[in-house]
Amino acid sequence: MADISLEEFEQRIIAACGASPIVESISVYDTRSNAIRLRVTLKNQTFLDAFYNEWRGRVAFAWIANNERIFGADNAGGWHWHPVDDVARHVSSDHEITFEEFFREVGKRVE
């Protein structure tokens, strides 16, 4: 994912969430010349943040409830998960974690 443009990253997030029944809204939360953060508000009053820095290739996904990360994934130091049962922990992944994969995992847990 590190070799895509900011616009492509944004479109991937929108495409993944656009038809989902758990999504309330999608917005660009923050943008700079080299980075973008999108916020996906879910119908259960939680939200997802998706961050991409084009210059550094940094990607991070977080599921937030009550202003705390409850699940996440990012590529700082190699792709890894921050599991629901212990978000401070890093669980290594042997592959790139796409937003689509992250969103599917969130969808399994949304009530």
PDB file of N, CA and C in Angstrom:
ATOM      1  N   MET A   1       0.816  -1.194   0.000  1.00  0.00           N
ATOM      2  CA  MET A   1       0.000   0.000   0.000  1.00  0.00           C
ATOM      3  C   MET A   1       0.860   1.259   0.000  1.00  0.00           C
ATOM      4  N   ALA A   2       2.107   1.119   0.348  1.00  0.00           N
ATOM      5  CA  ALA A   2       2.993   2.268   0.460  1.00  0.00           C
ATOM      6  C   ALA A   2       3.275   2.938  -0.876  1.00  0.00           C
ATOM      7  N   ASP A   3       2.902   2.322  -1.963  1.00  0.00           N
ATOM      8  CA  ASP A   3       3.203   2.906  -3.267  1.00  0.00           C
ATOM      9  C   ASP A   3       1.973   3.484  -3.956  1.00  0.00           C
ATOM     10  N   ILE A   4       0.940   3.828  -3.208  1.00  0.00           N
ATOM     11  CA  ILE A   4      -0.244   4.430  -3.805  1.00  0.00           C
ATOM     12  C   ILE A   4      -0.316   5.911  -3.446  1.00  0.00           C
ATOM     13  N   SER A   5      -1.123   6.653  -4.171  1.00  0.00           N
ATOM     14  CA  SER A   5      -1.286   8.083  -3.901  1.00  0.00           C
ATOM     15  C   SER A   5      -2.284   8.293  -2.760  1.00  0.00           C
ATOM     16  N   LEU A   6      -2.311   9.506  -2.243  1.00  0.00           N
ATOM     17  CA  LEU A   6      -3.284   9.846  -1.200  1.00  0.00           C
ATOM     18  C   LEU A   6      -4.709   9.666  -1.717  1.00  0.00           C
ATOM     19  N   GLU A   7      -4.921  10.051  -2.971  1.00  0.00           N
ATOM     20  CA  GLU A   7      -6.250   9.923  -3.578  1.00  0.00           C
ATOM     21  C   GLU A   7      -6.666   8.459  -3.688  1.00  0.00           C
ATOM     22  N   GLU A   8      -5.732   7.597  -4.070  1.00  0.00           N
ATOM     23  CA  GLU A   8      -6.035   6.164  -4.164  1.00  0.00           C
ATOM     24  C   GLU A   8      -6.365   5.587  -2.787  1.00  0.00           C
ATOM     25  N   PHE A   9      -5.608   6.000  -1.772  1.00  0.00           N
ATOM     26  CA  PHE A   9      -5.875   5.545  -0.411  1.00  0.00           C
ATOM     27  C   PHE A   9      -7.291   5.950   0.000  1.00  0.00           C
ATOM     28  N   GLU A  10      -7.630   7.212  -0.225  1.00  0.00           N
ATOM     29  CA  GLU A  10      -8.966   7.705   0.118  1.00  0.00           C
ATOM     30  C   GLU A  10     -10.048   6.900  -0.605  1.00  0.00           C
ATOM     31  N   GLN A  11      -9.855   6.653  -1.881  1.00  0.00           N
ATOM     32  CA  GLN A  11     -10.849   5.910  -2.656  1.00  0.00           C
ATOM     33  C   GLN A  11     -11.006   4.470  -2.168  1.00  0.00           C
ATOM     34  N   ARG A  12      -9.911   3.857  -1.731  1.00  0.00           N
ATOM     35  CA  ARG A  12      -9.996   2.489  -1.194  1.00  0.00           C
ATOM     36  C   ARG A  12     -10.839   2.440   0.075  1.00  0.00           C
ATOM     37  N   ILE A  13     -10.661   3.431   0.931  1.00  0.00           N
ATOM     38  CA  ILE A  13     -11.434   3.478   2.179  1.00  0.00           C
ATOM     39  C   ILE A  13     -12.918   3.667   1.854  1.00  0.00           C
ATOM     40  N   ILE A  14     -13.199   4.610   0.970  1.00  0.00           N
ATOM     41  CA  ILE A  14     -14.586   4.884   0.585  1.00  0.00           C
ATOM     42  C   ILE A  14     -15.215   3.652  -0.055  1.00  0.00           C
ATOM     43  N   ALA A  15     -14.486   2.993  -0.937  1.00  0.00           N
ATOM     44  CA  ALA A  15     -15.015   1.797  -1.611  1.00  0.00           C
ATOM     45  C   ALA A  15     -15.296   0.675  -0.616  1.00  0.00           C
ATOM     46  N   ALA A  16     -14.413   0.501   0.360  1.00  0.00           N
ATOM     47  CA  ALA A  16     -14.584  -0.576   1.343  1.00  0.00           C
ATOM     48  C   ALA A  16     -15.787  -0.334   2.246  1.00  0.00           C
ATOM     49  N   CYS A  17     -16.069   0.929   2.541  1.00  0.00           N
ATOM     50  CA  CYS A  17     -17.110   1.260   3.514  1.00  0.00           C
ATOM     51  C   CYS A  17     -18.433   1.680   2.899  1.00  0.00           C
ATOM     52  N   GLY A  18     -18.396   2.089   1.659  1.00  0.00           N
ATOM     53  CA  GLY A  18     -19.541   2.736   1.027  1.00  0.00           C
ATOM     54  C   GLY A  18     -20.871   2.025   1.150  1.00  0.00           C
ATOM     55  N   ALA A  19     -20.903   0.733   0.971  1.00  0.00           N
ATOM     56  CA  ALA A  19     -22.173  -0.002   0.986  1.00  0.00           C
ATOM     57  C   ALA A  19     -22.411  -0.751   2.293  1.00  0.00           C
ATOM     58  N   SER A  20     -21.578  -0.526   3.277  1.00  0.00           N
ATOM     59  CA  SER A  20     -21.694  -1.284   4.524  1.00  0.00           C
ATOM     60  C   SER A  20     -22.850  -0.781   5.389  1.00  0.00           C
ATOM     61  N   PRO A  21     -23.645  -1.689   5.917  1.00  0.00           N
ATOM     62  CA  PRO A  21     -24.751  -1.283   6.789  1.00  0.00           C
ATOM     63  C   PRO A  21     -24.296  -0.786   8.167  1.00  0.00           C
ATOM     64  N   ILE A  22     -23.033  -0.993   8.530  1.00  0.00           N
ATOM     65  CA  ILE A  22     -22.569  -0.534   9.848  1.00  0.00           C
ATOM     66  C   ILE A  22     -22.012   0.883   9.804  1.00  0.00           C
ATOM     67  N   VAL A  23     -21.846   1.452   8.595  1.00  0.00           N
ATOM     68  CA  VAL A  23     -21.229   2.774   8.440  1.00  0.00           C
ATOM     69  C   VAL A  23     -22.288   3.868   8.416  1.00  0.00           C
ATOM     70  N   GLU A  24     -22.054   4.890   9.229  1.00  0.00           N
ATOM     71  CA  GLU A  24     -22.928   6.059   9.250  1.00  0.00           C
ATOM     72  C   GLU A  24     -22.410   7.141   8.311  1.00  0.00           C
ATOM     73  N   SER A  25     -21.084   7.409   8.337  1.00  0.00           N
ATOM     74  CA  SER A  25     -20.517   8.446   7.477  1.00  0.00           C
ATOM     75  C   SER A  25     -19.018   8.226   7.298  1.00  0.00           C
ATOM     76  N   ILE A  26     -18.486   8.837   6.237  1.00  0.00           N
ATOM     77  CA  ILE A  26     -17.052   8.792   5.939  1.00  0.00           C
ATOM     78  C   ILE A  26     -16.628  10.222   5.649  1.00  0.00           C
ATOM     79  N   SER A  27     -15.545  10.670   6.280  1.00  0.00           N
ATOM     80  CA  SER A  27     -15.075  12.030   6.025  1.00  0.00           C
ATOM     81  C   SER A  27     -13.558  12.087   6.065  1.00  0.00           C
ATOM     82  N   VAL A  28     -13.018  13.083   5.363  1.00  0.00           N
ATOM     83  CA  VAL A  28     -11.589  13.360   5.462  1.00  0.00           C
ATOM     84  C   VAL A  28     -11.422  14.182   6.729  1.00  0.00           C
ATOM     85  N   TYR A  29     -10.715  13.621   7.686  1.00  0.00           N
ATOM     86  CA  TYR A  29     -10.555  14.231   9.006  1.00  0.00           C
ATOM     87  C   TYR A  29      -9.385  15.207   9.031  1.00  0.00           C
ATOM     88  N   ASP A  30      -8.332  14.880   8.290  1.00  0.00           N
ATOM     89  CA  ASP A  30      -7.130  15.718   8.256  1.00  0.00           C
ATOM     90  C   ASP A  30      -6.399  15.432   6.960  1.00  0.00           C
ATOM     91  N   THR A  31      -5.851  16.470   6.347  1.00  0.00           N
ATOM     92  CA  THR A  31      -5.075  16.272   5.132  1.00  0.00           C
ATOM     93  C   THR A  31      -3.911  17.250   5.094  1.00  0.00           C
ATOM     94  N   ARG A  32      -2.805  16.779   4.583  1.00  0.00           N
ATOM     95  CA  ARG A  32      -1.605  17.589   4.363  1.00  0.00           C
ATOM     96  C   ARG A  32      -1.083  17.248   2.977  1.00  0.00           C
ATOM     97  N   SER A  33      -0.005  17.867   2.573  1.00  0.00           N
ATOM     98  CA  SER A  33       0.521  17.603   1.228  1.00  0.00           C
ATOM     99  C   SER A  33       0.986  16.161   1.068  1.00  0.00           C
ATOM    100  N   ASN A  34       1.352  15.511   2.167  1.00  0.00           N
ATOM    101  CA  ASN A  34       1.891  14.151   2.086  1.00  0.00           C
ATOM    102  C   ASN A  34       1.130  13.120   2.912  1.00  0.00           C
ATOM    103  N   ALA A  35       0.034  13.528   3.556  1.00  0.00           N
ATOM    104  CA  ALA A  35      -0.663  12.594   4.450  1.00  0.00           C
ATOM    105  C   ALA A  35      -2.162  12.880   4.479  1.00  0.00           C
ATOM    106  N   ILE A  36      -2.907  11.837   4.814  1.00  0.00           N
ATOM    107  CA  ILE A  36      -4.363  11.956   4.921  1.00  0.00           C
ATOM    108  C   ILE A  36      -4.854  11.067   6.061  1.00  0.00           C
ATOM    109  N   ARG A  37      -5.893  11.545   6.740  1.00  0.00           N
ATOM    110  CA  ARG A  37      -6.560  10.753   7.779  1.00  0.00           C
ATOM    111  C   ARG A  37      -8.059  10.817   7.489  1.00  0.00           C
ATOM    112  N   LEU A  38      -8.644   9.641   7.362  1.00  0.00           N
ATOM    113  CA  LEU A  38     -10.085   9.552   7.148  1.00  0.00           C
ATOM    114  C   LEU A  38     -10.748   9.018   8.401  1.00  0.00           C
ATOM    115  N   ARG A  39     -11.956   9.472   8.625  1.00  0.00           N
ATOM    116  CA  ARG A  39     -12.729   8.994   9.769  1.00  0.00           C
ATOM    117  C   ARG A  39     -13.998   8.333   9.242  1.00  0.00           C
ATOM    118  N   VAL A  40     -14.207   7.108   9.688  1.00  0.00           N
ATOM    119  CA  VAL A  40     -15.400   6.345   9.323  1.00  0.00           C
ATOM    120  C   VAL A  40     -16.227   6.194  10.594  1.00  0.00           C
ATOM    121  N   THR A  41     -17.329   6.915  10.668  1.00  0.00           N
ATOM    122  CA  THR A  41     -18.198   6.841  11.838  1.00  0.00           C
ATOM    123  C   THR A  41     -19.149   5.663  11.662  1.00  0.00           C
ATOM    124  N   LEU A  42     -19.203   4.830  12.687  1.00  0.00           N
ATOM    125  CA  LEU A  42     -20.054   3.642  12.642  1.00  0.00           C
ATOM    126  C   LEU A  42     -21.377   3.909  13.361  1.00  0.00           C
ATOM    127  N   LYS A  43     -22.373   3.136  13.028  1.00  0.00           N
ATOM    128  CA  LYS A  43     -23.710   3.344  13.596  1.00  0.00           C
ATOM    129  C   LYS A  43     -23.781   3.046  15.088  1.00  0.00           C
ATOM    130  N   ASN A  44     -22.795   2.343  15.625  1.00  0.00           N
ATOM    131  CA  ASN A  44     -22.790   2.053  17.065  1.00  0.00           C
ATOM    132  C   ASN A  44     -22.063   3.132  17.869  1.00  0.00           C
ATOM    133  N   GLN A  45     -21.835   4.294  17.253  1.00  0.00           N
ATOM    134  CA  GLN A  45     -21.212   5.459  17.893  1.00  0.00           C
ATOM    135  C   GLN A  45     -19.721   5.290  18.162  1.00  0.00           C
ATOM    136  N   THR A  46     -19.075   4.357  17.494  1.00  0.00           N
ATOM    137  CA  THR A  46     -17.621   4.252  17.502  1.00  0.00           C
ATOM    138  C   THR A  46     -17.147   4.748  16.143  1.00  0.00           C
ATOM    139  N   PHE A  47     -15.827   4.824  15.945  1.00  0.00           N
ATOM    140  CA  PHE A  47     -15.343   5.235  14.635  1.00  0.00           C
ATOM    141  C   PHE A  47     -14.009   4.581  14.322  1.00  0.00           C
ATOM    142  N   LEU A  48     -13.677   4.600  13.040  1.00  0.00           N
ATOM    143  CA  LEU A  48     -12.402   4.100  12.549  1.00  0.00           C
ATOM    144  C   LEU A  48     -11.599   5.277  12.040  1.00  0.00           C
ATOM    145  N   ASP A  49     -10.311   5.289  12.323  1.00  0.00           N
ATOM    146  CA  ASP A  49      -9.395   6.238  11.709  1.00  0.00           C
ATOM    147  C   ASP A  49      -8.482   5.460  10.783  1.00  0.00           C
ATOM    148  N   ALA A  50      -8.292   5.977   9.580  1.00  0.00           N
ATOM    149  CA  ALA A  50      -7.380   5.383   8.609  1.00  0.00           C
ATOM    150  C   ALA A  50      -6.387   6.463   8.211  1.00  0.00           C
ATOM    151  N   PHE A  51      -5.106   6.213   8.464  1.00  0.00           N
ATOM    152  CA  PHE A  51      -4.050   7.197   8.228  1.00  0.00           C
ATOM    153  C   PHE A  51      -3.058   6.667   7.206  1.00  0.00           C
ATOM    154  N   TYR A  52      -2.603   7.564   6.332  1.00  0.00           N
ATOM    155  CA  TYR A  52      -1.584   7.202   5.346  1.00  0.00           C
ATOM    156  C   TYR A  52      -0.661   8.384   5.117  1.00  0.00           C
ATOM    157  N   ASN A  53       0.650   8.157   5.264  1.00  0.00           N
ATOM    158  CA  ASN A  53       1.672   9.142   4.935  1.00  0.00           C
ATOM    159  C   ASN A  53       2.368   8.649   3.675  1.00  0.00           C
ATOM    160  N   GLU A  54       2.146   9.345   2.589  1.00  0.00           N
ATOM    161  CA  GLU A  54       2.646   8.924   1.281  1.00  0.00           C
ATOM    162  C   GLU A  54       4.173   8.927   1.218  1.00  0.00           C
ATOM    163  N   TRP A  55       4.819   9.907   1.815  1.00  0.00           N
ATOM    164  CA  TRP A  55       6.279  10.003   1.748  1.00  0.00           C
ATOM    165  C   TRP A  55       6.963   8.903   2.547  1.00  0.00           C
ATOM    166  N   ARG A  56       6.444   8.600   3.704  1.00  0.00           N
ATOM    167  CA  ARG A  56       7.072   7.591   4.570  1.00  0.00           C
ATOM    168  C   ARG A  56       6.510   6.190   4.383  1.00  0.00           C
ATOM    169  N   GLY A  57       5.394   6.083   3.680  1.00  0.00           N
ATOM    170  CA  GLY A  57       4.761   4.782   3.503  1.00  0.00           C
ATOM    171  C   GLY A  57       4.103   4.274   4.771  1.00  0.00           C
ATOM    172  N   ARG A  58       3.854   5.155   5.704  1.00  0.00           N
ATOM    173  CA  ARG A  58       3.273   4.784   7.002  1.00  0.00           C
ATOM    174  C   ARG A  58       1.764   4.646   6.869  1.00  0.00           C
ATOM    175  N   VAL A  59       1.229   3.541   7.367  1.00  0.00           N
ATOM    176  CA  VAL A  59      -0.203   3.259   7.315  1.00  0.00           C
ATOM    177  C   VAL A  59      -0.648   2.816   8.705  1.00  0.00           C
ATOM    178  N   ALA A  60      -1.784   3.336   9.151  1.00  0.00           N
ATOM    179  CA  ALA A  60      -2.315   2.937  10.460  1.00  0.00           C
ATOM    180  C   ALA A  60      -3.835   2.958  10.420  1.00  0.00           C
ATOM    181  N   PHE A  61      -4.424   1.938  11.035  1.00  0.00           N
ATOM    182  CA  PHE A  61      -5.875   1.831  11.156  1.00  0.00           C
ATOM    183  C   PHE A  61      -6.205   1.651  12.632  1.00  0.00           C
ATOM    184  N   ALA A  62      -7.201   2.373  13.106  1.00  0.00           N
ATOM    185  CA  ALA A  62      -7.600   2.244  14.512  1.00  0.00           C
ATOM    186  C   ALA A  62      -9.115   2.278  14.631  1.00  0.00           C
ATOM    187  N   TRP A  63      -9.630   1.456  15.534  1.00  0.00           N
ATOM    188  CA  TRP A  63     -11.054   1.473  15.894  1.00  0.00           C
ATOM    189  C   TRP A  63     -11.118   2.129  17.261  1.00  0.00           C
ATOM    190  N   ILE A  64     -11.893   3.202  17.363  1.00  0.00           N
ATOM    191  CA  ILE A  64     -11.933   4.030  18.564  1.00  0.00           C
ATOM    192  C   ILE A  64     -13.321   3.995  19.192  1.00  0.00           C
ATOM    193  N   ALA A  65     -13.360   3.795  20.505  1.00  0.00           N
ATOM    194  CA  ALA A  65     -14.596   3.884  21.290  1.00  0.00           C
ATOM    195  C   ALA A  65     -14.282   4.669  22.555  1.00  0.00           C
ATOM    196  N   ASN A  66     -15.121   5.626  22.886  1.00  0.00           N
ATOM    197  CA  ASN A  66     -14.910   6.450  24.086  1.00  0.00           C
ATOM    198  C   ASN A  66     -13.507   7.044  24.125  1.00  0.00           C
ATOM    199  N   ASN A  67     -13.043   7.540  22.979  1.00  0.00           N
ATOM    200  CA  ASN A  67     -11.735   8.192  22.827  1.00  0.00           C
ATOM    201  C   ASN A  67     -10.546   7.287  23.119  1.00  0.00           C
ATOM    202  N   GLU A  68     -10.734   5.964  23.024  1.00  0.00           N
ATOM    203  CA  GLU A  68      -9.646   5.007  23.243  1.00  0.00           C
ATOM    204  C   GLU A  68      -9.596   4.013  22.096  1.00  0.00           C
ATOM    205  N   ARG A  69      -8.386   3.691  21.665  1.00  0.00           N
ATOM    206  CA  ARG A  69      -8.247   2.661  20.635  1.00  0.00           C
ATOM    207  C   ARG A  69      -8.625   1.318  21.245  1.00  0.00           C
ATOM    208  N   ILE A  70      -9.510   0.590  20.552  1.00  0.00           N
ATOM    209  CA  ILE A  70      -9.916  -0.728  21.037  1.00  0.00           C
ATOM    210  C   ILE A  70      -9.448  -1.849  20.111  1.00  0.00           C
ATOM    211  N   PHE A  71      -8.919  -1.478  18.955  1.00  0.00           N
ATOM    212  CA  PHE A  71      -8.407  -2.445  17.983  1.00  0.00           C
ATOM    213  C   PHE A  71      -7.624  -1.652  16.955  1.00  0.00           C
ATOM    214  N   GLY A  72      -6.556  -2.248  16.414  1.00  0.00           N
ATOM    215  CA  GLY A  72      -5.794  -1.512  15.421  1.00  0.00           C
ATOM    216  C   GLY A  72      -4.848  -2.380  14.624  1.00  0.00           C
ATOM    217  N   ALA A  73      -4.260  -1.747  13.623  1.00  0.00           N
ATOM    218  CA  ALA A  73      -3.232  -2.380  12.797  1.00  0.00           C
ATOM    219  C   ALA A  73      -2.394  -1.265  12.191  1.00  0.00           C
ATOM    220  N   ASP A  74      -1.091  -1.505  12.064  1.00  0.00           N
ATOM    221  CA  ASP A  74      -0.234  -0.521  11.397  1.00  0.00           C
ATOM    222  C   ASP A  74       1.058  -1.178  10.939  1.00  0.00           C
ATOM    223  N   ASN A  75       1.851  -0.396  10.195  1.00  0.00           N
ATOM    224  CA  ASN A  75       3.087  -0.944   9.643  1.00  0.00           C
ATOM    225  C   ASN A  75       4.345  -0.325  10.241  1.00  0.00           C
ATOM    226  N   ALA A  76       4.248   0.312  11.394  1.00  0.00           N
ATOM    227  CA  ALA A  76       5.439   0.844  12.060  1.00  0.00           C
ATOM    228  C   ALA A  76       6.248  -0.330  12.609  1.00  0.00           C
ATOM    229  N   GLY A  77       7.415  -0.552  12.047  1.00  0.00           N
ATOM    230  CA  GLY A  77       8.229  -1.689  12.477  1.00  0.00           C
ATOM    231  C   GLY A  77       7.774  -3.007  11.880  1.00  0.00           C
ATOM    232  N   GLY A  78       7.042  -2.958  10.801  1.00  0.00           N
ATOM    233  CA  GLY A  78       6.493  -4.162  10.170  1.00  0.00           C
ATOM    234  C   GLY A  78       5.017  -4.296  10.489  1.00  0.00           C
ATOM    235  N   TRP A  79       4.282  -4.900   9.589  1.00  0.00           N
ATOM    236  CA  TRP A  79       2.835  -5.021   9.778  1.00  0.00           C
ATOM    237  C   TRP A  79       2.505  -5.835  11.023  1.00  0.00           C
ATOM    238  N   HIS A  80       1.576  -5.300  11.818  1.00  0.00           N
ATOM    239  CA  HIS A  80       1.137  -5.982  13.029  1.00  0.00           C
ATOM    240  C   HIS A  80      -0.257  -5.507  13.432  1.00  0.00           C
ATOM    241  N   TRP A  81      -0.895  -6.329  14.250  1.00  0.00           N
ATOM    242  CA  TRP A  81      -2.207  -6.041  14.823  1.00  0.00           C
ATOM    243  C   TRP A  81      -2.048  -5.550  16.252  1.00  0.00           C
ATOM    244  N   HIS A  82      -3.013  -4.747  16.695  1.00  0.00           N
ATOM    245  CA  HIS A  82      -3.194  -4.397  18.103  1.00  0.00           C
ATOM    246  C   HIS A  82      -4.525  -5.041  18.487  1.00  0.00           C
ATOM    247  N   PRO A  83      -4.492  -6.231  19.087  1.00  0.00           N
ATOM    248  CA  PRO A  83      -5.722  -7.004  19.300  1.00  0.00           C
ATOM    249  C   PRO A  83      -6.678  -6.378  20.320  1.00  0.00           C
ATOM    250  N   VAL A  84      -7.940  -6.727  20.183  1.00  0.00           N
ATOM    251  CA  VAL A  84      -9.003  -6.207  21.047  1.00  0.00           C
ATOM    252  C   VAL A  84      -8.727  -6.494  22.517  1.00  0.00           C
ATOM    253  N   ASP A  85      -8.204  -7.649  22.825  1.00  0.00           N
ATOM    254  CA  ASP A  85      -7.998  -8.014  24.229  1.00  0.00           C
ATOM    255  C   ASP A  85      -6.793  -7.338  24.873  1.00  0.00           C
ATOM    256  N   ASP A  86      -5.898  -6.727  24.065  1.00  0.00           N
ATOM    257  CA  ASP A  86      -4.719  -6.037  24.602  1.00  0.00           C
ATOM    258  C   ASP A  86      -4.142  -5.133  23.513  1.00  0.00           C
ATOM    259  N   VAL A  87      -4.730  -3.943  23.353  1.00  0.00           N
ATOM    260  CA  VAL A  87      -4.350  -3.079  22.227  1.00  0.00           C
ATOM    261  C   VAL A  87      -2.918  -2.550  22.301  1.00  0.00           C
ATOM    262  N   ALA A  88      -2.278  -2.648  23.440  1.00  0.00           N
ATOM    263  CA  ALA A  88      -0.886  -2.221  23.541  1.00  0.00           C
ATOM    264  C   ALA A  88       0.067  -3.260  22.946  1.00  0.00           C
ATOM    265  N   ARG A  89      -0.423  -4.474  22.809  1.00  0.00           N
ATOM    266  CA  ARG A  89       0.402  -5.576  22.295  1.00  0.00           C
ATOM    267  C   ARG A  89       0.512  -5.499  20.777  1.00  0.00           C
ATOM    268  N   HIS A  90       1.630  -5.980  20.249  1.00  0.00           N
ATOM    269  CA  HIS A  90       1.849  -6.101  18.807  1.00  0.00           C
ATOM    270  C   HIS A  90       1.830  -7.578  18.442  1.00  0.00           C
ATOM    271  N   VAL A  91       0.946  -7.945  17.523  1.00  0.00           N
ATOM    272  CA  VAL A  91       0.888  -9.309  17.011  1.00  0.00           C
ATOM    273  C   VAL A  91       1.300  -9.237  15.551  1.00  0.00           C
ATOM    274  N   SER A  92       2.490  -9.737  15.250  1.00  0.00           N
ATOM    275  CA  SER A  92       3.048  -9.631  13.900  1.00  0.00           C
ATOM    276  C   SER A  92       2.157 -10.285  12.858  1.00  0.00           C
ATOM    277  N   SER A  93       2.181  -9.694  11.676  1.00  0.00           N
ATOM    278  CA  SER A  93       1.469 -10.249  10.528  1.00  0.00           C
ATOM    279  C   SER A  93       2.504 -10.615   9.473  1.00  0.00           C
ATOM    280  N   ASP A  94       2.273 -11.702   8.770  1.00  0.00           N
ATOM    281  CA  ASP A  94       3.204 -12.113   7.719  1.00  0.00           C
ATOM    282  C   ASP A  94       2.839 -11.497   6.370  1.00  0.00           C
ATOM    283  N   HIS A  95       1.869 -10.578   6.385  1.00  0.00           N
ATOM    284  CA  HIS A  95       1.447  -9.928   5.147  1.00  0.00           C
ATOM    285  C   HIS A  95       0.976  -8.502   5.439  1.00  0.00           C
ATOM    286  N   GLU A  96       0.879  -7.721   4.386  1.00  0.00           N
ATOM    287  CA  GLU A  96       0.335  -6.370   4.500  1.00  0.00           C
ATOM    288  C   GLU A  96      -1.127  -6.466   4.925  1.00  0.00           C
ATOM    289  N   ILE A  97      -1.499  -5.674   5.907  1.00  0.00           N
ATOM    290  CA  ILE A  97      -2.886  -5.639   6.363  1.00  0.00           C
ATOM    291  C   ILE A  97      -3.584  -4.511   5.616  1.00  0.00           C
ATOM    292  N   THR A  98      -4.506  -4.862   4.769  1.00  0.00           N
ATOM    293  CA  THR A  98      -5.237  -3.851   4.005  1.00  0.00           C
ATOM    294  C   THR A  98      -6.378  -3.287   4.846  1.00  0.00           C
ATOM    295  N   PHE A  99      -6.879  -2.141   4.433  1.00  0.00           N
ATOM    296  CA  PHE A  99      -8.037  -1.595   5.133  1.00  0.00           C
ATOM    297  C   PHE A  99      -9.222  -2.539   5.007  1.00  0.00           C
ATOM    298  N   GLU A 100      -9.369  -3.161   3.865  1.00  0.00           N
ATOM    299  CA  GLU A 100     -10.469  -4.096   3.663  1.00  0.00           C
ATOM    300  C   GLU A 100     -10.427  -5.228   4.691  1.00  0.00           C
ATOM    301  N   GLU A 101      -9.239  -5.771   4.937  1.00  0.00           N
ATOM    302  CA  GLU A 101      -9.091  -6.836   5.937  1.00  0.00           C
ATOM    303  C   GLU A 101      -9.402  -6.305   7.337  1.00  0.00           C
ATOM    304  N   PHE A 102      -8.854  -5.135   7.650  1.00  0.00           N
ATOM    305  CA  PHE A 102      -9.110  -4.509   8.948  1.00  0.00           C
ATOM    306  C   PHE A 102     -10.609  -4.280   9.151  1.00  0.00           C
ATOM    307  N   PHE A 103     -11.266  -3.751   8.126  1.00  0.00           N
ATOM    308  CA  PHE A 103     -12.694  -3.455   8.201  1.00  0.00           C
ATOM    309  C   PHE A 103     -13.524  -4.729   8.387  1.00  0.00           C
ATOM    310  N   ARG A 104     -13.140  -5.805   7.732  1.00  0.00           N
ATOM    311  CA  ARG A 104     -13.836  -7.088   7.929  1.00  0.00           C
ATOM    312  C   ARG A 104     -13.729  -7.541   9.381  1.00  0.00           C
ATOM    313  N   GLU A 105     -12.529  -7.394   9.970  1.00  0.00           N
ATOM    314  CA  GLU A 105     -12.336  -7.788  11.372  1.00  0.00           C
ATOM    315  C   GLU A 105     -13.188  -6.937  12.308  1.00  0.00           C
ATOM    316  N   VAL A 106     -13.260  -5.642  12.036  1.00  0.00           N
ATOM    317  CA  VAL A 106     -14.123  -4.769  12.841  1.00  0.00           C
ATOM    318  C   VAL A 106     -15.575  -5.207  12.689  1.00  0.00           C
ATOM    319  N   GLY A 107     -15.988  -5.468  11.459  1.00  0.00           N
ATOM    320  CA  GLY A 107     -17.366  -5.875  11.186  1.00  0.00           C
ATOM    321  C   GLY A 107     -17.797  -7.111  11.947  1.00  0.00           C
ATOM    322  N   LYS A 108     -16.867  -8.017  12.206  1.00  0.00           N
ATOM    323  CA  LYS A 108     -17.177  -9.227  12.981  1.00  0.00           C
ATOM    324  C   LYS A 108     -17.512  -8.903  14.435  1.00  0.00           C
ATOM    325  N   ARG A 109     -17.056  -7.742  14.898  1.00  0.00           N
ATOM    326  CA  ARG A 109     -17.190  -7.395  16.311  1.00  0.00           C
ATOM    327  C   ARG A 109     -18.231  -6.307  16.591  1.00  0.00           C
ATOM    328  N   VAL A 110     -18.708  -5.643  15.554  1.00  0.00           N
ATOM    329  CA  VAL A 110     -19.681  -4.566  15.746  1.00  0.00           C
ATOM    330  C   VAL A 110     -21.050  -5.155  16.042  1.00  0.00           C
ATOM    331  N   GLU A 111     -21.705  -4.588  17.034  1.00  0.00           N
ATOM    332  CA  GLU A 111     -23.053  -5.061  17.402  1.00  0.00           C
ATOM    333  C   GLU A 111     -24.097  -4.111  16.875  1.00  0.00           C
TER     334      GLU A 111
END
